[in-house]
Amino acid sequence: MAAVWAQWDHVTKVDPDKPLHDGDIYADIADTGTDAIIIGGTTNVTQSNVQSVLDALASTKIPVFVEPTYCPSPSQIEALSGYLLPIVLNADDPLWITGAHHEWVRSSNLDWESVHPEAYIVLNPESSVATLTQADCTLEADDVVAYAELAEQILGQQIVYLEYSGMLGDPTVIAAVRDTLSSAQLFYGGGIHDYESAYRMANVTDTVIVGDVLHEAGIGTVEETIRGVRDAKHDS
């Protein structure tokens, strides 16, 4: 059976440490036409504030996943579709490659059918996630492609996530990564802020992730990005 994310063209990421735009409510995100919601961020992601967002999304029918930077709780899984656990391949801090994951395995009793790893490649040196993970962002295009191939062919990852976090990535690099993957789903996140940027990136990746624009510009702009993604997929 195909993984749930195989049908995702557009995903909205909610940072539980950031407020929504004026007048927006969490329940309205699911009505935009986005394929899924991911709850996650770099700093101050706790079980408590994630639970608050999950409570606000209780009536949501689309998949809701959490990217935890805290020790996941088996009790929380009932309120969501599953966990997406980031493994930052180009992190210089081993905590974000295997360290935190080892602790989660050692101290948690998780239903592993609901836990799915994501092979992250962090590419914006100015981003909070690059600082936190001490990611080596001085990568040439062939380095990025090699990390993606390593993720799929050696580590058996089903998701490769190019994280530009706050800046628009290089479409030629993203396209090269997609071309090297044979079955893994390519997620792209970073700098998607309007119809045009969404359309452009949807042409070179499998799944477009929007995050900052939700908090900074609001649900109406998220809907613009969805139209851009849908049009790109239709035209391709």
C-alpha atoms as a PDB file:
ATOM      1  CA  MET A   1       0.000   0.000   0.000  1.00  0.00           C
ATOM      2  CA  ALA A   2       1.313   3.445  -0.925  1.00  0.00           C
ATOM      3  CA  ALA A   3       2.418   5.732   1.882  1.00  0.00           C
ATOM      4  CA  VAL A   4      -0.040   8.468   2.792  1.00  0.00           C
ATOM      5  CA  TRP A   5       2.393  11.170   1.677  1.00  0.00           C
ATOM      6  CA  ALA A   6       2.575   9.739  -1.839  1.00  0.00           C
ATOM      7  CA  GLN A   7      -0.491  11.856  -2.661  1.00  0.00           C
ATOM      8  CA  TRP A   8       0.747  15.053  -1.039  1.00  0.00           C
ATOM      9  CA  ASP A   9       1.413  17.940  -3.412  1.00  0.00           C
ATOM     10  CA  HIS A  10       1.087  20.705  -0.813  1.00  0.00           C
ATOM     11  CA  VAL A  11       1.562  20.576   2.950  1.00  0.00           C
ATOM     12  CA  THR A  12       1.117  23.345   5.510  1.00  0.00           C
ATOM     13  CA  LYS A  13       3.507  23.379   8.456  1.00  0.00           C
ATOM     14  CA  VAL A  14       2.298  24.918  11.713  1.00  0.00           C
ATOM     15  CA  ASP A  15       4.880  26.169  14.204  1.00  0.00           C
ATOM     16  CA  PRO A  16       3.343  25.790  17.683  1.00  0.00           C
ATOM     17  CA  ASP A  17       5.690  28.500  18.988  1.00  0.00           C
ATOM     18  CA  LYS A  18       4.292  31.139  16.607  1.00  0.00           C
ATOM     19  CA  PRO A  19       0.859  32.783  16.606  1.00  0.00           C
ATOM     20  CA  LEU A  20      -1.395  32.602  13.596  1.00  0.00           C
ATOM     21  CA  HIS A  21      -1.999  35.682  11.467  1.00  0.00           C
ATOM     22  CA  ASP A  22      -4.661  38.122  12.636  1.00  0.00           C
ATOM     23  CA  GLY A  23      -8.101  36.539  12.657  1.00  0.00           C
ATOM     24  CA  ASP A  24      -6.982  33.099  11.458  1.00  0.00           C
ATOM     25  CA  ILE A  25      -7.920  29.941  13.338  1.00  0.00           C
ATOM     26  CA  TYR A  26      -6.308  26.526  13.124  1.00  0.00           C
ATOM     27  CA  ALA A  27      -9.445  24.737  11.982  1.00  0.00           C
ATOM     28  CA  ASP A  28      -9.554  26.859   8.818  1.00  0.00           C
ATOM     29  CA  ILE A  29      -6.195  25.528   7.611  1.00  0.00           C
ATOM     30  CA  ALA A  30      -7.762  22.212   6.648  1.00  0.00           C
ATOM     31  CA  ASP A  31     -10.298  24.025   4.462  1.00  0.00           C
ATOM     32  CA  THR A  32      -7.654  25.628   2.267  1.00  0.00           C
ATOM     33  CA  GLY A  33      -7.182  22.503   0.152  1.00  0.00           C
ATOM     34  CA  THR A  34      -3.760  21.651   1.563  1.00  0.00           C
ATOM     35  CA  ASP A  35      -3.142  17.899   1.573  1.00  0.00           C
ATOM     36  CA  ALA A  36      -1.816  17.590   5.124  1.00  0.00           C
ATOM     37  CA  ILE A  37      -0.689  19.531   8.168  1.00  0.00           C
ATOM     38  CA  ILE A  38       2.649  19.084   9.895  1.00  0.00           C
ATOM     39  CA  ILE A  39       3.126  20.553  13.363  1.00  0.00           C
ATOM     40  CA  GLY A  40       6.751  21.375  14.017  1.00  0.00           C
ATOM     41  CA  GLY A  41       9.407  24.034  14.429  1.00  0.00           C
ATOM     42  CA  THR A  42      12.956  24.600  15.566  1.00  0.00           C
ATOM     43  CA  THR A  43      12.601  26.127  19.020  1.00  0.00           C
ATOM     44  CA  ASN A  44      10.195  25.667  21.919  1.00  0.00           C
ATOM     45  CA  VAL A  45       8.302  22.747  20.407  1.00  0.00           C
ATOM     46  CA  THR A  46       6.910  20.995  23.460  1.00  0.00           C
ATOM     47  CA  GLN A  47       4.348  18.322  24.078  1.00  0.00           C
ATOM     48  CA  SER A  48       2.167  20.970  25.717  1.00  0.00           C
ATOM     49  CA  ASN A  49       2.063  23.512  22.897  1.00  0.00           C
ATOM     50  CA  VAL A  50       1.787  20.792  20.256  1.00  0.00           C
ATOM     51  CA  GLN A  51      -1.180  19.377  22.156  1.00  0.00           C
ATOM     52  CA  SER A  52      -2.836  22.797  22.113  1.00  0.00           C
ATOM     53  CA  VAL A  53      -2.620  22.877  18.323  1.00  0.00           C
ATOM     54  CA  LEU A  54      -3.850  19.288  18.070  1.00  0.00           C
ATOM     55  CA  ASP A  55      -6.844  20.186  20.223  1.00  0.00           C
ATOM     56  CA  ALA A  56      -7.643  23.082  17.881  1.00  0.00           C
ATOM     57  CA  LEU A  57      -7.425  20.702  14.910  1.00  0.00           C
ATOM     58  CA  ALA A  58      -9.562  18.006  16.510  1.00  0.00           C
ATOM     59  CA  SER A  59     -12.229  18.116  13.797  1.00  0.00           C
ATOM     60  CA  THR A  60      -9.732  18.121  10.932  1.00  0.00           C
ATOM     61  CA  LYS A  61     -10.214  15.379   8.352  1.00  0.00           C
ATOM     62  CA  ILE A  62      -6.876  15.675   6.537  1.00  0.00           C
ATOM     63  CA  PRO A  63      -3.725  13.977   7.892  1.00  0.00           C
ATOM     64  CA  VAL A  64      -1.997  15.723  10.803  1.00  0.00           C
ATOM     65  CA  PHE A  65       1.583  14.744  11.618  1.00  0.00           C
ATOM     66  CA  VAL A  66       3.993  16.051  14.238  1.00  0.00           C
ATOM     67  CA  GLU A  67       7.733  16.626  13.837  1.00  0.00           C
ATOM     68  CA  PRO A  68       8.844  16.347  17.453  1.00  0.00           C
ATOM     69  CA  THR A  69      11.942  17.898  18.955  1.00  0.00           C
ATOM     70  CA  TYR A  70      10.826  16.511  22.301  1.00  0.00           C
ATOM     71  CA  CYS A  71      10.437  12.902  23.394  1.00  0.00           C
ATOM     72  CA  PRO A  72       7.259  11.696  21.658  1.00  0.00           C
ATOM     73  CA  SER A  73       4.429  10.388  23.793  1.00  0.00           C
ATOM     74  CA  PRO A  74       2.420   7.265  22.924  1.00  0.00           C
ATOM     75  CA  SER A  75      -0.658   8.920  24.446  1.00  0.00           C
ATOM     76  CA  GLN A  76      -0.498  11.755  21.927  1.00  0.00           C
ATOM     77  CA  ILE A  77      -0.633   9.485  18.896  1.00  0.00           C
ATOM     78  CA  GLU A  78      -4.400   9.076  19.214  1.00  0.00           C
ATOM     79  CA  ALA A  79      -4.857  12.728  18.252  1.00  0.00           C
ATOM     80  CA  LEU A  80      -2.733  12.642  15.105  1.00  0.00           C
ATOM     81  CA  SER A  81      -1.867  10.585  12.051  1.00  0.00           C
ATOM     82  CA  GLY A  82       1.706   9.913  13.112  1.00  0.00           C
ATOM     83  CA  TYR A  83       5.152  11.328  13.795  1.00  0.00           C
ATOM     84  CA  LEU A  84       7.700  12.451  11.199  1.00  0.00           C
ATOM     85  CA  LEU A  85      11.145  12.206  12.799  1.00  0.00           C
ATOM     86  CA  PRO A  86      13.801  14.425  11.177  1.00  0.00           C
ATOM     87  CA  ILE A  87      17.272  12.989  10.665  1.00  0.00           C
ATOM     88  CA  VAL A  88      19.528  15.885   9.623  1.00  0.00           C
ATOM     89  CA  LEU A  89      22.082  14.237   7.368  1.00  0.00           C
ATOM     90  CA  ASN A  90      24.412  17.238   7.130  1.00  0.00           C
ATOM     91  CA  ALA A  91      24.291  18.129  10.829  1.00  0.00           C
ATOM     92  CA  ASP A  92      27.635  18.524  12.570  1.00  0.00           C
ATOM     93  CA  ASP A  93      25.884  17.921  15.892  1.00  0.00           C
ATOM     94  CA  PRO A  94      25.266  14.146  16.105  1.00  0.00           C
ATOM     95  CA  LEU A  95      22.308  14.808  18.396  1.00  0.00           C
ATOM     96  CA  TRP A  96      20.257  15.496  15.262  1.00  0.00           C
ATOM     97  CA  ILE A  97      21.526  12.483  13.330  1.00  0.00           C
ATOM     98  CA  THR A  98      21.099   9.708  15.893  1.00  0.00           C
ATOM     99  CA  GLY A  99      21.438  11.193  19.386  1.00  0.00           C
ATOM    100  CA  ALA A 100      17.898  12.398  20.035  1.00  0.00           C
ATOM    101  CA  HIS A 101      16.499   9.405  18.200  1.00  0.00           C
ATOM    102  CA  HIS A 102      18.455   7.015  20.407  1.00  0.00           C
ATOM    103  CA  GLU A 103      16.979   8.694  23.470  1.00  0.00           C
ATOM    104  CA  TRP A 104      13.465   8.471  22.040  1.00  0.00           C
ATOM    105  CA  VAL A 105      13.898   4.751  21.374  1.00  0.00           C
ATOM    106  CA  ARG A 106      15.456   4.129  24.788  1.00  0.00           C
ATOM    107  CA  SER A 107      12.850   6.014  26.805  1.00  0.00           C
ATOM    108  CA  SER A 108       9.654   5.676  24.781  1.00  0.00           C
ATOM    109  CA  ASN A 109       7.286   2.859  23.955  1.00  0.00           C
ATOM    110  CA  LEU A 110       6.155   4.055  20.555  1.00  0.00           C
ATOM    111  CA  ASP A 111       3.995   2.346  17.975  1.00  0.00           C
ATOM    112  CA  TRP A 112       6.575   2.226  15.199  1.00  0.00           C
ATOM    113  CA  GLU A 113       3.927   1.865  12.534  1.00  0.00           C
ATOM    114  CA  SER A 114       3.040   5.497  13.288  1.00  0.00           C
ATOM    115  CA  VAL A 115       6.631   6.791  13.230  1.00  0.00           C
ATOM    116  CA  HIS A 116       8.260   7.735   9.925  1.00  0.00           C
ATOM    117  CA  PRO A 117      11.751   9.192   9.496  1.00  0.00           C
ATOM    118  CA  GLU A 118      12.541  12.102   7.201  1.00  0.00           C
ATOM    119  CA  ALA A 119      16.048  12.533   5.796  1.00  0.00           C
ATOM    120  CA  TYR A 120      16.623  16.267   6.119  1.00  0.00           C
ATOM    121  CA  ILE A 121      19.257  18.223   4.203  1.00  0.00           C
ATOM    122  CA  VAL A 122      19.442  21.745   5.675  1.00  0.00           C
ATOM    123  CA  LEU A 123      20.646  24.334   3.172  1.00  0.00           C
ATOM    124  CA  ASN A 124      20.119  27.850   4.569  1.00  0.00           C
ATOM    125  CA  PRO A 125      23.067  28.775   6.809  1.00  0.00           C
ATOM    126  CA  GLU A 126      21.134  31.725   8.270  1.00  0.00           C
ATOM    127  CA  SER A 127      18.240  29.597   9.479  1.00  0.00           C
ATOM    128  CA  SER A 128      17.506  28.649  13.058  1.00  0.00           C
ATOM    129  CA  VAL A 129      17.534  24.967  12.161  1.00  0.00           C
ATOM    130  CA  ALA A 130      21.018  25.277  10.667  1.00  0.00           C
ATOM    131  CA  THR A 131      22.252  26.956  13.844  1.00  0.00           C
ATOM    132  CA  LEU A 132      20.595  24.414  16.129  1.00  0.00           C
ATOM    133  CA  THR A 133      21.916  21.382  14.259  1.00  0.00           C
ATOM    134  CA  GLN A 134      25.247  22.980  13.265  1.00  0.00           C
ATOM    135  CA  ALA A 135      24.439  21.971   9.709  1.00  0.00           C
ATOM    136  CA  ASP A 136      27.118  22.191   7.037  1.00  0.00           C
ATOM    137  CA  CYS A 137      25.339  24.322   4.447  1.00  0.00           C
ATOM    138  CA  THR A 138      28.448  24.885   2.283  1.00  0.00           C
ATOM    139  CA  LEU A 139      27.387  22.122  -0.067  1.00  0.00           C
ATOM    140  CA  GLU A 140      27.787  22.005  -3.823  1.00  0.00           C
ATOM    141  CA  ALA A 141      24.967  20.615  -5.917  1.00  0.00           C
ATOM    142  CA  ASP A 142      26.638  17.217  -6.242  1.00  0.00           C
ATOM    143  CA  ASP A 143      27.020  17.067  -2.443  1.00  0.00           C
ATOM    144  CA  VAL A 144      23.295  17.602  -1.996  1.00  0.00           C
ATOM    145  CA  VAL A 145      22.504  14.977  -4.621  1.00  0.00           C
ATOM    146  CA  ALA A 146      24.879  12.535  -2.930  1.00  0.00           C
ATOM    147  CA  TYR A 147      23.199  13.063   0.444  1.00  0.00           C
ATOM    148  CA  ALA A 148      19.827  12.365  -1.165  1.00  0.00           C
ATOM    149  CA  GLU A 149      21.110   9.197  -2.816  1.00  0.00           C
ATOM    150  CA  LEU A 150      22.711   8.093   0.451  1.00  0.00           C
ATOM    151  CA  ALA A 151      19.404   8.651   2.228  1.00  0.00           C
ATOM    152  CA  GLU A 152      17.457   6.496  -0.197  1.00  0.00           C
ATOM    153  CA  GLN A 153      19.936   3.808  -1.203  1.00  0.00           C
ATOM    154  CA  ILE A 154      21.930   3.289   2.015  1.00  0.00           C
ATOM    155  CA  LEU A 155      19.588   4.425   4.785  1.00  0.00           C
ATOM    156  CA  GLY A 156      16.395   3.297   3.073  1.00  0.00           C
ATOM    157  CA  GLN A 157      14.603   6.586   3.658  1.00  0.00           C
ATOM    158  CA  GLN A 158      11.193   7.094   2.072  1.00  0.00           C
ATOM    159  CA  ILE A 159      11.228  10.882   2.486  1.00  0.00           C
ATOM    160  CA  VAL A 160      14.043  13.260   1.534  1.00  0.00           C
ATOM    161  CA  TYR A 161      13.426  16.811   2.746  1.00  0.00           C
ATOM    162  CA  LEU A 162      15.350  19.761   1.279  1.00  0.00           C
ATOM    163  CA  GLU A 163      15.028  22.453   3.959  1.00  0.00           C
ATOM    164  CA  TYR A 164      15.913  25.978   2.864  1.00  0.00           C
ATOM    165  CA  SER A 165      13.915  27.405   5.786  1.00  0.00           C
ATOM    166  CA  GLY A 166      13.251  31.056   4.996  1.00  0.00           C
ATOM    167  CA  MET A 167      14.938  31.346   1.610  1.00  0.00           C
ATOM    168  CA  LEU A 168      13.957  30.163  -1.842  1.00  0.00           C
ATOM    169  CA  GLY A 169      16.159  27.308  -2.998  1.00  0.00           C
ATOM    170  CA  ASP A 170      17.931  26.739  -6.286  1.00  0.00           C
ATOM    171  CA  PRO A 171      15.491  24.960  -8.631  1.00  0.00           C
ATOM    172  CA  THR A 172      18.322  23.285 -10.542  1.00  0.00           C
ATOM    173  CA  VAL A 173      19.618  21.654  -7.352  1.00  0.00           C
ATOM    174  CA  ILE A 174      16.141  20.546  -6.337  1.00  0.00           C
ATOM    175  CA  ALA A 175      15.458  19.098  -9.781  1.00  0.00           C
ATOM    176  CA  ALA A 176      18.775  17.229  -9.701  1.00  0.00           C
ATOM    177  CA  VAL A 177      17.843  15.674  -6.363  1.00  0.00           C
ATOM    178  CA  ARG A 178      14.447  14.605  -7.643  1.00  0.00           C
ATOM    179  CA  ASP A 179      16.062  13.054 -10.704  1.00  0.00           C
ATOM    180  CA  THR A 180      18.419  10.960  -8.573  1.00  0.00           C
ATOM    181  CA  LEU A 181      15.631   9.529  -6.386  1.00  0.00           C
ATOM    182  CA  SER A 182      13.980   6.369  -7.615  1.00  0.00           C
ATOM    183  CA  SER A 183      11.174   5.931  -5.077  1.00  0.00           C
ATOM    184  CA  ALA A 184      11.646   8.297  -2.144  1.00  0.00           C
ATOM    185  CA  GLN A 185       9.299  11.289  -1.942  1.00  0.00           C
ATOM    186  CA  LEU A 186      11.039  14.673  -2.251  1.00  0.00           C
ATOM    187  CA  PHE A 187       9.782  17.346   0.148  1.00  0.00           C
ATOM    188  CA  TYR A 188      10.845  20.946  -0.391  1.00  0.00           C
ATOM    189  CA  GLY A 189      10.462  23.778   2.125  1.00  0.00           C
ATOM    190  CA  GLY A 190      11.720  27.351   2.139  1.00  0.00           C
ATOM    191  CA  GLY A 191      10.758  30.780   0.832  1.00  0.00           C
ATOM    192  CA  ILE A 192       7.363  29.862  -0.617  1.00  0.00           C
ATOM    193  CA  HIS A 193       5.434  33.114  -0.207  1.00  0.00           C
ATOM    194  CA  ASP A 194       3.036  33.475  -3.143  1.00  0.00           C
ATOM    195  CA  TYR A 195       1.523  31.815  -6.216  1.00  0.00           C
ATOM    196  CA  GLU A 196       4.628  32.254  -8.383  1.00  0.00           C
ATOM    197  CA  SER A 197       7.140  30.802  -5.931  1.00  0.00           C
ATOM    198  CA  ALA A 198       4.832  27.856  -5.252  1.00  0.00           C
ATOM    199  CA  TYR A 199       4.327  27.217  -8.956  1.00  0.00           C
ATOM    200  CA  ARG A 200       8.067  27.388  -9.628  1.00  0.00           C
ATOM    201  CA  MET A 201       9.046  24.957  -6.891  1.00  0.00           C
ATOM    202  CA  ALA A 202       6.182  22.551  -7.525  1.00  0.00           C
ATOM    203  CA  ASN A 203       7.693  21.931 -10.956  1.00  0.00           C
ATOM    204  CA  VAL A 204      10.903  20.520  -9.453  1.00  0.00           C
ATOM    205  CA  THR A 205       9.746  18.667  -6.345  1.00  0.00           C
ATOM    206  CA  ASP A 206       7.116  16.159  -5.308  1.00  0.00           C
ATOM    207  CA  THR A 207       5.735  17.987  -2.279  1.00  0.00           C
ATOM    208  CA  VAL A 208       5.855  21.691  -1.441  1.00  0.00           C
ATOM    209  CA  ILE A 209       5.873  22.610   2.258  1.00  0.00           C
ATOM    210  CA  VAL A 210       4.760  26.095   3.318  1.00  0.00           C
ATOM    211  CA  GLY A 211       5.264  27.311   6.852  1.00  0.00           C
ATOM    212  CA  ASP A 212       6.362  30.868   7.567  1.00  0.00           C
ATOM    213  CA  VAL A 213       3.808  32.330   5.167  1.00  0.00           C
ATOM    214  CA  LEU A 214       0.994  30.891   7.300  1.00  0.00           C
ATOM    215  CA  HIS A 215       2.126  32.850  10.345  1.00  0.00           C
ATOM    216  CA  GLU A 216       3.351  35.963   8.550  1.00  0.00           C
ATOM    217  CA  ALA A 217       0.741  36.501   5.824  1.00  0.00           C
ATOM    218  CA  GLY A 218      -2.147  34.261   6.758  1.00  0.00           C
ATOM    219  CA  ILE A 219      -4.412  31.589   5.396  1.00  0.00           C
ATOM    220  CA  GLY A 220      -5.397  33.614   2.327  1.00  0.00           C
ATOM    221  CA  THR A 221      -1.808  33.593   1.124  1.00  0.00           C
ATOM    222  CA  VAL A 222      -1.507  29.886   1.877  1.00  0.00           C
ATOM    223  CA  GLU A 223      -4.427  29.387  -0.495  1.00  0.00           C
ATOM    224  CA  GLU A 224      -2.464  31.280  -3.179  1.00  0.00           C
ATOM    225  CA  THR A 225       0.418  28.847  -2.780  1.00  0.00           C
ATOM    226  CA  ILE A 226      -1.962  25.911  -3.086  1.00  0.00           C
ATOM    227  CA  ARG A 227      -3.277  27.280  -6.384  1.00  0.00           C
ATOM    228  CA  GLY A 228       0.294  27.661  -7.595  1.00  0.00           C
ATOM    229  CA  VAL A 229       1.140  24.070  -6.708  1.00  0.00           C
ATOM    230  CA  ARG A 230      -2.049  22.664  -8.224  1.00  0.00           C
ATOM    231  CA  ASP A 231      -1.554  24.596 -11.475  1.00  0.00           C
ATOM    232  CA  ALA A 232       2.066  23.453 -11.750  1.00  0.00           C
ATOM    233  CA  LYS A 233       1.101  19.813 -11.244  1.00  0.00           C
ATOM    234  CA  HIS A 234      -1.704  20.164 -13.785  1.00  0.00           C
ATOM    235  CA  ASP A 235       0.564  21.794 -16.365  1.00  0.00           C
ATOM    236  CA  SER A 236       3.434  19.345 -15.996  1.00  0.00           C
END
